[in-house]
Amino acid sequence: MKVFARKTAWMCAAFVGAWAVSAEAGVVMTQQTTKPDRSGGSTTETHTTMIDGNRMKTVTPQIATIMDADKGVMVLMNPTAKTYSEITEADMKRFGAQLEARRGEMQERLKSMPPEQRKRIEDMMGGGAGKPRELKFERLGDKKAINGFSCEMYRVLEDAAPKEEDCIAPWSASILQRSDFEGLRKFAENMAKSSGVMAAGGGRQMFEQFDKYPGFPVSRRPLEAGRGEDEQLKSVKRGSIPAAKFAVPAGFAKKPLPTGAVGGGGPPHGPRP
């Protein structure tokens, strides 16, 4: 789940407007990420996202994830081992009940923690004020063309602190629209409601943060060296996506969820633009 949260936290993407996407209006986008490795160099990976109505699939070298809002299920696949696991709304409900049962114990532990650490954990639990970090976008005045996409440079500030520099393309049918990701919003909200304790917390805040973006980042670069990943949008294609793309391939064996898989990452919070 940690890999999923981190990667789909890159995807991505968007959540307002009416949702009426036909099979012919599917979207396939590829992104390239570059991140530091342990040797002091860097590693580059290509990630693919497919969206068709209320279904979304993300593919990275390590994991493939399918989210189906209509079925209320998320499938985690290991392409190397040819195995898969499922997370259902019932799993999220059970996870929420477990968290609620431990809440009293955690509150006692929080009393002995430093204020900043206590607030951070309270916000994650939905037990604090739950105020999302304030995002601001400062135009830098530069316009670029990256991989054929026209975009404008912005400095992104989080709680007034510079976080990254993004080249952002306005929302449009020729690139990506907010409505392209409405199915993911539906999925995340349903999962959050099932878990109970997460319903009013991070999931909702993630969508609120995303709605502030003036467009989709064609590129993003963290300002703190060694923190985060450089990302670039490489391609966007629209058209019909075969239903088989959103199914577990033949020959994959179903495995139970790894211990802590749901608790480790919680419900999907939606992609980060």
C-alpha atoms as a PDB file:
ATOM      1  CA  MET A   1       0.000   0.000   0.000  1.00  0.00           C
ATOM      2  CA  LYS A   2       2.874   2.375   0.661  1.00  0.00           C
ATOM      3  CA  VAL A   3       4.000   2.022  -2.943  1.00  0.00           C
ATOM      4  CA  PHE A   4       0.438   2.573  -4.108  1.00  0.00           C
ATOM      5  CA  ALA A   5      -0.040   5.642  -1.925  1.00  0.00           C
ATOM      6  CA  ARG A   6       3.166   7.178  -3.138  1.00  0.00           C
ATOM      7  CA  LYS A   7       2.605   6.440  -6.816  1.00  0.00           C
ATOM      8  CA  THR A   8      -0.961   7.271  -6.970  1.00  0.00           C
ATOM      9  CA  ALA A   9      -0.369   9.990  -5.066  1.00  0.00           C
ATOM     10  CA  TRP A  10       1.481  11.109  -8.312  1.00  0.00           C
ATOM     11  CA  MET A  11      -1.068  10.568 -10.664  1.00  0.00           C
ATOM     12  CA  CYS A  12      -2.075  12.039 -10.473  1.00  0.00           C
ATOM     13  CA  ALA A  13      -5.344  13.705 -10.536  1.00  0.00           C
ATOM     14  CA  ALA A  14      -8.933  15.528 -10.303  1.00  0.00           C
ATOM     15  CA  PHE A  15     -12.273  15.620  -8.939  1.00  0.00           C
ATOM     16  CA  VAL A  16     -15.072  18.026  -9.811  1.00  0.00           C
ATOM     17  CA  GLY A  17     -17.722  18.333 -12.508  1.00  0.00           C
ATOM     18  CA  ALA A  18     -20.216  15.947 -13.987  1.00  0.00           C
ATOM     19  CA  TRP A  19     -19.071  12.427 -14.745  1.00  0.00           C
ATOM     20  CA  ALA A  20     -20.177  11.119 -18.118  1.00  0.00           C
ATOM     21  CA  VAL A  21     -17.281   9.366 -19.825  1.00  0.00           C
ATOM     22  CA  SER A  22     -18.095   6.804 -22.499  1.00  0.00           C
ATOM     23  CA  ALA A  23     -15.990   3.804 -23.462  1.00  0.00           C
ATOM     24  CA  GLU A  24     -14.676   5.837 -26.388  1.00  0.00           C
ATOM     25  CA  ALA A  25     -13.476   8.579 -24.038  1.00  0.00           C
ATOM     26  CA  GLY A  26     -10.949   6.571 -22.057  1.00  0.00           C
ATOM     27  CA  VAL A  27      -7.604   8.151 -21.208  1.00  0.00           C
ATOM     28  CA  VAL A  28      -4.149   6.565 -21.159  1.00  0.00           C
ATOM     29  CA  MET A  29      -1.261   8.640 -19.889  1.00  0.00           C
ATOM     30  CA  THR A  30       2.372   7.823 -19.281  1.00  0.00           C
ATOM     31  CA  GLN A  31       4.639   9.581 -16.845  1.00  0.00           C
ATOM     32  CA  GLN A  32       8.334   9.335 -16.164  1.00  0.00           C
ATOM     33  CA  THR A  33       9.777   9.676 -12.663  1.00  0.00           C
ATOM     34  CA  THR A  34      13.412  10.102 -11.672  1.00  0.00           C
ATOM     35  CA  LYS A  35      14.414   9.565  -8.061  1.00  0.00           C
ATOM     36  CA  PRO A  36      17.693   9.317  -6.120  1.00  0.00           C
ATOM     37  CA  ASP A  37      18.998   5.824  -5.426  1.00  0.00           C
ATOM     38  CA  ARG A  38      21.178   4.472  -2.658  1.00  0.00           C
ATOM     39  CA  SER A  39      24.334   4.595  -4.771  1.00  0.00           C
ATOM     40  CA  GLY A  40      24.108   8.373  -5.107  1.00  0.00           C
ATOM     41  CA  GLY A  41      22.845   8.216  -8.667  1.00  0.00           C
ATOM     42  CA  SER A  42      19.282   8.175  -9.903  1.00  0.00           C
ATOM     43  CA  THR A  43      16.696   5.731 -11.210  1.00  0.00           C
ATOM     44  CA  THR A  44      14.166   6.504 -13.942  1.00  0.00           C
ATOM     45  CA  GLU A  45      10.869   4.657 -14.231  1.00  0.00           C
ATOM     46  CA  THR A  46       7.871   4.863 -16.529  1.00  0.00           C
ATOM     47  CA  HIS A  47       4.356   4.674 -15.071  1.00  0.00           C
ATOM     48  CA  THR A  48       1.120   4.208 -16.989  1.00  0.00           C
ATOM     49  CA  THR A  49      -2.383   5.256 -15.924  1.00  0.00           C
ATOM     50  CA  MET A  50      -5.552   4.065 -17.682  1.00  0.00           C
ATOM     51  CA  ILE A  51      -8.921   5.627 -16.872  1.00  0.00           C
ATOM     52  CA  ASP A  52     -12.277   4.603 -18.269  1.00  0.00           C
ATOM     53  CA  GLY A  53     -15.423   5.739 -16.474  1.00  0.00           C
ATOM     54  CA  ASN A  54     -15.335   4.551 -12.875  1.00  0.00           C
ATOM     55  CA  ARG A  55     -12.319   2.312 -13.419  1.00  0.00           C
ATOM     56  CA  MET A  56      -8.680   3.256 -13.124  1.00  0.00           C
ATOM     57  CA  LYS A  57      -5.519   1.186 -13.513  1.00  0.00           C
ATOM     58  CA  THR A  58      -1.991   2.241 -12.633  1.00  0.00           C
ATOM     59  CA  VAL A  59       1.076   0.277 -13.686  1.00  0.00           C
ATOM     60  CA  THR A  60       4.574   0.736 -12.271  1.00  0.00           C
ATOM     61  CA  PRO A  61       7.582  -1.604 -12.490  1.00  0.00           C
ATOM     62  CA  GLN A  62       6.770  -2.890  -8.984  1.00  0.00           C
ATOM     63  CA  ILE A  63       2.986  -3.071  -8.831  1.00  0.00           C
ATOM     64  CA  ALA A  64      -0.190  -2.747 -10.871  1.00  0.00           C
ATOM     65  CA  THR A  65      -3.343  -1.429  -9.211  1.00  0.00           C
ATOM     66  CA  ILE A  66      -6.943  -1.541 -10.412  1.00  0.00           C
ATOM     67  CA  MET A  67      -9.638   0.576  -8.738  1.00  0.00           C
ATOM     68  CA  ASP A  68     -13.268  -0.085  -9.618  1.00  0.00           C
ATOM     69  CA  ALA A  69     -15.736   2.348  -8.054  1.00  0.00           C
ATOM     70  CA  ASP A  70     -18.774   0.387  -9.253  1.00  0.00           C
ATOM     71  CA  LYS A  71     -17.606  -2.880  -7.686  1.00  0.00           C
ATOM     72  CA  GLY A  72     -16.059  -1.176  -4.662  1.00  0.00           C
ATOM     73  CA  VAL A  73     -12.804  -3.086  -4.938  1.00  0.00           C
ATOM     74  CA  MET A  74      -9.114  -2.342  -5.371  1.00  0.00           C
ATOM     75  CA  VAL A  75      -6.836  -5.025  -6.796  1.00  0.00           C
ATOM     76  CA  LEU A  76      -3.086  -5.038  -6.104  1.00  0.00           C
ATOM     77  CA  MET A  77      -1.081  -7.139  -8.568  1.00  0.00           C
ATOM     78  CA  ASN A  78       2.527  -8.282  -8.450  1.00  0.00           C
ATOM     79  CA  PRO A  79       3.466  -8.770 -12.134  1.00  0.00           C
ATOM     80  CA  THR A  80       6.725 -10.527 -11.274  1.00  0.00           C
ATOM     81  CA  ALA A  81       5.201 -13.128  -8.952  1.00  0.00           C
ATOM     82  CA  LYS A  82       1.938 -13.247 -10.935  1.00  0.00           C
ATOM     83  CA  THR A  83      -0.156 -12.852  -7.786  1.00  0.00           C
ATOM     84  CA  TYR A  84      -2.884 -10.438  -6.740  1.00  0.00           C
ATOM     85  CA  SER A  85      -4.789  -9.351  -3.636  1.00  0.00           C
ATOM     86  CA  GLU A  86      -8.081  -7.505  -3.235  1.00  0.00           C
ATOM     87  CA  ILE A  87      -9.180  -4.744  -0.877  1.00  0.00           C
ATOM     88  CA  THR A  88     -12.951  -4.428  -0.604  1.00  0.00           C
ATOM     89  CA  GLU A  89     -15.258  -2.048   1.214  1.00  0.00           C
ATOM     90  CA  ALA A  90     -15.734  -4.811   3.781  1.00  0.00           C
ATOM     91  CA  ASP A  91     -11.955  -4.847   4.353  1.00  0.00           C
ATOM     92  CA  MET A  92     -12.022  -1.088   4.878  1.00  0.00           C
ATOM     93  CA  LYS A  93     -14.917  -1.394   7.327  1.00  0.00           C
ATOM     94  CA  ARG A  94     -12.963  -3.991   9.302  1.00  0.00           C
ATOM     95  CA  PHE A  95      -9.872  -1.780   9.215  1.00  0.00           C
ATOM     96  CA  GLY A  96     -11.897   1.178  10.479  1.00  0.00           C
ATOM     97  CA  ALA A  97     -13.281  -0.877  13.357  1.00  0.00           C
ATOM     98  CA  GLN A  98      -9.764  -1.959  14.323  1.00  0.00           C
ATOM     99  CA  LEU A  99      -8.541   1.619  14.317  1.00  0.00           C
ATOM    100  CA  GLU A 100     -11.469   2.766  16.395  1.00  0.00           C
ATOM    101  CA  ALA A 101     -10.772   0.035  18.944  1.00  0.00           C
ATOM    102  CA  ARG A 102      -7.170   1.250  19.301  1.00  0.00           C
ATOM    103  CA  ARG A 103      -8.008   4.935  19.374  1.00  0.00           C
ATOM    104  CA  GLY A 104      -8.201   5.195  23.152  1.00  0.00           C
ATOM    105  CA  GLU A 105      -4.824   3.551  23.583  1.00  0.00           C
ATOM    106  CA  MET A 106      -3.258   5.841  20.996  1.00  0.00           C
ATOM    107  CA  GLN A 107      -4.695   8.945  22.637  1.00  0.00           C
ATOM    108  CA  GLU A 108      -2.914   8.001  25.849  1.00  0.00           C
ATOM    109  CA  ARG A 109       0.377   7.616  23.998  1.00  0.00           C
ATOM    110  CA  LEU A 110      -0.081  10.973  22.277  1.00  0.00           C
ATOM    111  CA  LYS A 111      -0.064  12.769  25.625  1.00  0.00           C
ATOM    112  CA  SER A 112       3.636  12.022  26.070  1.00  0.00           C
ATOM    113  CA  MET A 113       4.685  13.039  22.520  1.00  0.00           C
ATOM    114  CA  PRO A 114       6.166  16.408  21.442  1.00  0.00           C
ATOM    115  CA  PRO A 115       3.456  18.831  20.222  1.00  0.00           C
ATOM    116  CA  GLU A 116       4.454  18.738  16.521  1.00  0.00           C
ATOM    117  CA  GLN A 117       4.545  14.940  16.402  1.00  0.00           C
ATOM    118  CA  ARG A 118       1.274  14.730  18.314  1.00  0.00           C
ATOM    119  CA  LYS A 119      -0.476  17.130  15.916  1.00  0.00           C
ATOM    120  CA  ARG A 120       0.805  15.275  12.858  1.00  0.00           C
ATOM    121  CA  ILE A 121      -0.520  11.951  14.145  1.00  0.00           C
ATOM    122  CA  GLU A 122      -3.809  13.492  15.271  1.00  0.00           C
ATOM    123  CA  ASP A 123      -4.361  14.917  11.785  1.00  0.00           C
ATOM    124  CA  MET A 124      -3.666  11.522  10.218  1.00  0.00           C
ATOM    125  CA  MET A 125      -6.131   9.920  12.608  1.00  0.00           C
ATOM    126  CA  GLY A 126      -8.768  12.565  12.032  1.00  0.00           C
ATOM    127  CA  GLY A 127      -8.640  13.379  15.732  1.00  0.00           C
ATOM    128  CA  GLY A 128      -7.065  16.790  15.509  1.00  0.00           C
ATOM    129  CA  ALA A 129      -8.275  19.949  13.875  1.00  0.00           C
ATOM    130  CA  GLY A 130      -7.709  18.267  10.530  1.00  0.00           C
ATOM    131  CA  LYS A 131      -6.790  21.523   8.844  1.00  0.00           C
ATOM    132  CA  PRO A 132      -5.192  20.812   5.454  1.00  0.00           C
ATOM    133  CA  ARG A 133      -1.917  22.456   4.569  1.00  0.00           C
ATOM    134  CA  GLU A 134      -2.424  25.636   2.600  1.00  0.00           C
ATOM    135  CA  LEU A 135      -1.322  25.458  -1.023  1.00  0.00           C
ATOM    136  CA  LYS A 136      -0.419  28.526  -3.059  1.00  0.00           C
ATOM    137  CA  PHE A 137       0.759  28.809  -6.647  1.00  0.00           C
ATOM    138  CA  GLU A 138       3.118  31.626  -7.661  1.00  0.00           C
ATOM    139  CA  ARG A 139       3.480  32.302 -11.375  1.00  0.00           C
ATOM    140  CA  LEU A 140       7.144  32.492 -12.343  1.00  0.00           C
ATOM    141  CA  GLY A 141       6.473  34.064 -15.745  1.00  0.00           C
ATOM    142  CA  ASP A 142       8.114  31.349 -17.837  1.00  0.00           C
ATOM    143  CA  LYS A 143       6.216  29.360 -20.455  1.00  0.00           C
ATOM    144  CA  LYS A 144       7.615  26.148 -21.851  1.00  0.00           C
ATOM    145  CA  ALA A 145       6.888  23.237 -24.162  1.00  0.00           C
ATOM    146  CA  ILE A 146       7.728  19.889 -22.539  1.00  0.00           C
ATOM    147  CA  ASN A 147       7.223  16.671 -24.482  1.00  0.00           C
ATOM    148  CA  GLY A 148       4.913  18.586 -26.812  1.00  0.00           C
ATOM    149  CA  PHE A 149       2.748  20.016 -23.990  1.00  0.00           C
ATOM    150  CA  SER A 150       2.547  23.782 -23.483  1.00  0.00           C
ATOM    151  CA  CYS A 151       2.772  24.744 -19.825  1.00  0.00           C
ATOM    152  CA  GLU A 152       3.537  27.632 -17.468  1.00  0.00           C
ATOM    153  CA  MET A 153       6.000  27.565 -14.584  1.00  0.00           C
ATOM    154  CA  TYR A 154       4.708  27.879 -11.014  1.00  0.00           C
ATOM    155  CA  ARG A 155       6.343  27.732  -7.618  1.00  0.00           C
ATOM    156  CA  VAL A 156       4.168  25.665  -5.294  1.00  0.00           C
ATOM    157  CA  LEU A 157       4.136  26.741  -1.655  1.00  0.00           C
ATOM    158  CA  GLU A 158       2.856  24.574   1.191  1.00  0.00           C
ATOM    159  CA  ASP A 159       2.035  26.529   4.350  1.00  0.00           C
ATOM    160  CA  ALA A 160       4.031  29.440   2.839  1.00  0.00           C
ATOM    161  CA  ALA A 161       7.154  27.266   2.402  1.00  0.00           C
ATOM    162  CA  PRO A 162       8.401  26.625  -1.180  1.00  0.00           C
ATOM    163  CA  LYS A 163       7.852  22.941  -1.933  1.00  0.00           C
ATOM    164  CA  GLU A 164       8.382  22.407  -5.664  1.00  0.00           C
ATOM    165  CA  GLU A 165       8.392  24.027  -9.084  1.00  0.00           C
ATOM    166  CA  ASP A 166       5.811  22.758 -11.562  1.00  0.00           C
ATOM    167  CA  CYS A 167       5.165  23.439 -15.218  1.00  0.00           C
ATOM    168  CA  ILE A 168       1.375  23.331 -15.351  1.00  0.00           C
ATOM    169  CA  ALA A 169      -0.864  22.962 -18.389  1.00  0.00           C
ATOM    170  CA  PRO A 170      -4.409  24.357 -18.017  1.00  0.00           C
ATOM    171  CA  TRP A 171      -7.182  21.775 -17.726  1.00  0.00           C
ATOM    172  CA  SER A 172      -8.433  21.010 -21.236  1.00  0.00           C
ATOM    173  CA  ALA A 173      -9.842  18.219 -23.366  1.00  0.00           C
ATOM    174  CA  SER A 174      -6.617  18.187 -25.392  1.00  0.00           C
ATOM    175  CA  ILE A 175      -4.563  17.168 -22.348  1.00  0.00           C
ATOM    176  CA  LEU A 176      -6.383  16.237 -19.133  1.00  0.00           C
ATOM    177  CA  GLN A 177      -9.636  17.425 -17.579  1.00  0.00           C
ATOM    178  CA  ARG A 178     -10.688  17.427 -13.957  1.00  0.00           C
ATOM    179  CA  SER A 179     -13.611  15.198 -14.860  1.00  0.00           C
ATOM    180  CA  ASP A 180     -11.248  12.535 -16.202  1.00  0.00           C
ATOM    181  CA  PHE A 181     -10.620  11.501 -12.594  1.00  0.00           C
ATOM    182  CA  GLU A 182     -14.077  11.779 -11.110  1.00  0.00           C
ATOM    183  CA  GLY A 183     -14.365   8.001 -10.904  1.00  0.00           C
ATOM    184  CA  LEU A 184     -11.362   7.963  -8.573  1.00  0.00           C
ATOM    185  CA  ARG A 185     -13.050  10.519  -6.349  1.00  0.00           C
ATOM    186  CA  LYS A 186     -16.080   8.259  -6.130  1.00  0.00           C
ATOM    187  CA  PHE A 187     -13.916   5.253  -5.300  1.00  0.00           C
ATOM    188  CA  ALA A 188     -11.933   7.056  -2.590  1.00  0.00           C
ATOM    189  CA  GLU A 189     -15.039   8.558  -1.000  1.00  0.00           C
ATOM    190  CA  ASN A 190     -16.770   5.171  -0.856  1.00  0.00           C
ATOM    191  CA  MET A 191     -13.723   3.534   0.693  1.00  0.00           C
ATOM    192  CA  ALA A 192     -13.403   6.386   3.200  1.00  0.00           C
ATOM    193  CA  LYS A 193     -17.044   6.032   4.222  1.00  0.00           C
ATOM    194  CA  SER A 194     -16.567   2.303   4.696  1.00  0.00           C
ATOM    195  CA  SER A 195     -13.569   2.818   6.968  1.00  0.00           C
ATOM    196  CA  GLY A 196     -15.542   5.334   9.040  1.00  0.00           C
ATOM    197  CA  VAL A 197     -12.647   6.953  10.852  1.00  0.00           C
ATOM    198  CA  MET A 198     -11.151   8.199   7.583  1.00  0.00           C
ATOM    199  CA  ALA A 199     -14.306   9.688   6.113  1.00  0.00           C
ATOM    200  CA  ALA A 200     -13.790  13.263   7.305  1.00  0.00           C
ATOM    201  CA  GLY A 201     -10.007  13.213   7.268  1.00  0.00           C
ATOM    202  CA  GLY A 202      -7.222  12.864   4.774  1.00  0.00           C
ATOM    203  CA  GLY A 203      -9.255  11.600   1.827  1.00  0.00           C
ATOM    204  CA  ARG A 204     -11.500  14.636   1.704  1.00  0.00           C
ATOM    205  CA  GLN A 205      -8.576  16.968   2.297  1.00  0.00           C
ATOM    206  CA  MET A 206      -6.613  15.430  -0.565  1.00  0.00           C
ATOM    207  CA  PHE A 207      -9.422  16.203  -2.970  1.00  0.00           C
ATOM    208  CA  GLU A 208      -9.748  19.718  -1.602  1.00  0.00           C
ATOM    209  CA  GLN A 209      -6.040  20.257  -2.187  1.00  0.00           C
ATOM    210  CA  PHE A 210      -6.230  18.914  -5.710  1.00  0.00           C
ATOM    211  CA  ASP A 211      -9.061  21.251  -6.652  1.00  0.00           C
ATOM    212  CA  LYS A 212      -6.716  24.182  -6.054  1.00  0.00           C
ATOM    213  CA  TYR A 213      -4.395  23.195  -8.899  1.00  0.00           C
ATOM    214  CA  PRO A 214      -4.770  25.494 -11.940  1.00  0.00           C
ATOM    215  CA  GLY A 215      -4.107  22.569 -14.276  1.00  0.00           C
ATOM    216  CA  PHE A 216      -2.205  19.312 -14.633  1.00  0.00           C
ATOM    217  CA  PRO A 217       1.567  19.363 -13.941  1.00  0.00           C
ATOM    218  CA  VAL A 218       3.452  18.422 -17.086  1.00  0.00           C
ATOM    219  CA  SER A 219       6.601  18.450 -14.967  1.00  0.00           C
ATOM    220  CA  ARG A 220       7.299  18.817 -11.276  1.00  0.00           C
ATOM    221  CA  ARG A 221      10.586  19.218  -9.459  1.00  0.00           C
ATOM    222  CA  PRO A 222      11.026  19.185  -5.660  1.00  0.00           C
ATOM    223  CA  LEU A 223      13.015  22.124  -4.363  1.00  0.00           C
ATOM    224  CA  GLU A 224      14.708  20.175  -1.579  1.00  0.00           C
ATOM    225  CA  ALA A 225      17.517  18.048  -2.976  1.00  0.00           C
ATOM    226  CA  GLY A 226      17.053  14.347  -2.455  1.00  0.00           C
ATOM    227  CA  ARG A 227      13.407  14.725  -1.473  1.00  0.00           C
ATOM    228  CA  GLY A 228      10.655  13.458  -3.723  1.00  0.00           C
ATOM    229  CA  GLU A 229      10.832  12.663  -7.405  1.00  0.00           C
ATOM    230  CA  ASP A 230      11.227  14.620 -10.612  1.00  0.00           C
ATOM    231  CA  GLU A 231       8.203  13.853 -12.781  1.00  0.00           C
ATOM    232  CA  GLN A 232       7.258  14.477 -16.402  1.00  0.00           C
ATOM    233  CA  LEU A 233       4.122  13.784 -18.381  1.00  0.00           C
ATOM    234  CA  LYS A 234       5.251  11.933 -21.499  1.00  0.00           C
ATOM    235  CA  SER A 235       2.020  11.215 -23.382  1.00  0.00           C
ATOM    236  CA  VAL A 236      -1.778  11.385 -23.233  1.00  0.00           C
ATOM    237  CA  LYS A 237      -4.025   9.355 -25.540  1.00  0.00           C
ATOM    238  CA  ARG A 238      -7.809   9.218 -25.684  1.00  0.00           C
ATOM    239  CA  GLY A 239      -9.868   6.390 -27.080  1.00  0.00           C
ATOM    240  CA  SER A 240     -11.520   3.092 -26.288  1.00  0.00           C
ATOM    241  CA  ILE A 241      -9.777   0.930 -23.687  1.00  0.00           C
ATOM    242  CA  PRO A 242     -10.503  -2.832 -23.814  1.00  0.00           C
ATOM    243  CA  ALA A 243     -12.310  -4.106 -20.710  1.00  0.00           C
ATOM    244  CA  ALA A 244      -9.631  -6.794 -20.358  1.00  0.00           C
ATOM    245  CA  LYS A 245      -7.167  -4.089 -19.351  1.00  0.00           C
ATOM    246  CA  PHE A 246      -9.086  -3.714 -16.084  1.00  0.00           C
ATOM    247  CA  ALA A 247      -9.165  -7.443 -15.302  1.00  0.00           C
ATOM    248  CA  VAL A 248      -6.642  -9.670 -13.529  1.00  0.00           C
ATOM    249  CA  PRO A 249      -4.650 -11.538 -16.204  1.00  0.00           C
ATOM    250  CA  ALA A 250      -5.131 -15.283 -16.579  1.00  0.00           C
ATOM    251  CA  GLY A 251      -2.633 -17.291 -14.580  1.00  0.00           C
ATOM    252  CA  PHE A 252      -2.410 -14.882 -11.636  1.00  0.00           C
ATOM    253  CA  ALA A 253      -2.946 -16.549  -8.240  1.00  0.00           C
ATOM    254  CA  LYS A 254      -5.013 -14.811  -5.568  1.00  0.00           C
ATOM    255  CA  LYS A 255      -3.191 -14.213  -2.294  1.00  0.00           C
ATOM    256  CA  PRO A 256      -4.526 -12.924   1.034  1.00  0.00           C
ATOM    257  CA  LEU A 257      -3.695  -9.343   1.894  1.00  0.00           C
ATOM    258  CA  PRO A 258      -0.251  -9.011   3.486  1.00  0.00           C
ATOM    259  CA  THR A 259      -0.396  -8.306   7.213  1.00  0.00           C
ATOM    260  CA  GLY A 260      -0.868  -4.563   7.695  1.00  0.00           C
ATOM    261  CA  ALA A 261      -1.472  -3.924   3.988  1.00  0.00           C
ATOM    262  CA  VAL A 262      -4.684  -2.014   4.599  1.00  0.00           C
ATOM    263  CA  GLY A 263      -3.638  -0.498   7.875  1.00  0.00           C
ATOM    264  CA  GLY A 264      -0.271   0.541   6.501  1.00  0.00           C
ATOM    265  CA  GLY A 265      -1.644   2.800   3.817  1.00  0.00           C
ATOM    266  CA  GLY A 266      -5.304   3.318   4.583  1.00  0.00           C
ATOM    267  CA  PRO A 267      -7.780   3.887   1.808  1.00  0.00           C
ATOM    268  CA  PRO A 268      -6.550   5.499  -1.377  1.00  0.00           C
ATOM    269  CA  HIS A 269      -6.635   9.259  -1.049  1.00  0.00           C
ATOM    270  CA  GLY A 270      -6.635   9.987  -4.714  1.00  0.00           C
ATOM    271  CA  PRO A 271      -3.782  10.927  -6.956  1.00  0.00           C
ATOM    272  CA  ARG A 272      -1.672  13.921  -6.481  1.00  0.00           C
ATOM    273  CA  PRO A 273      -1.717  16.103  -9.594  1.00  0.00           C
END
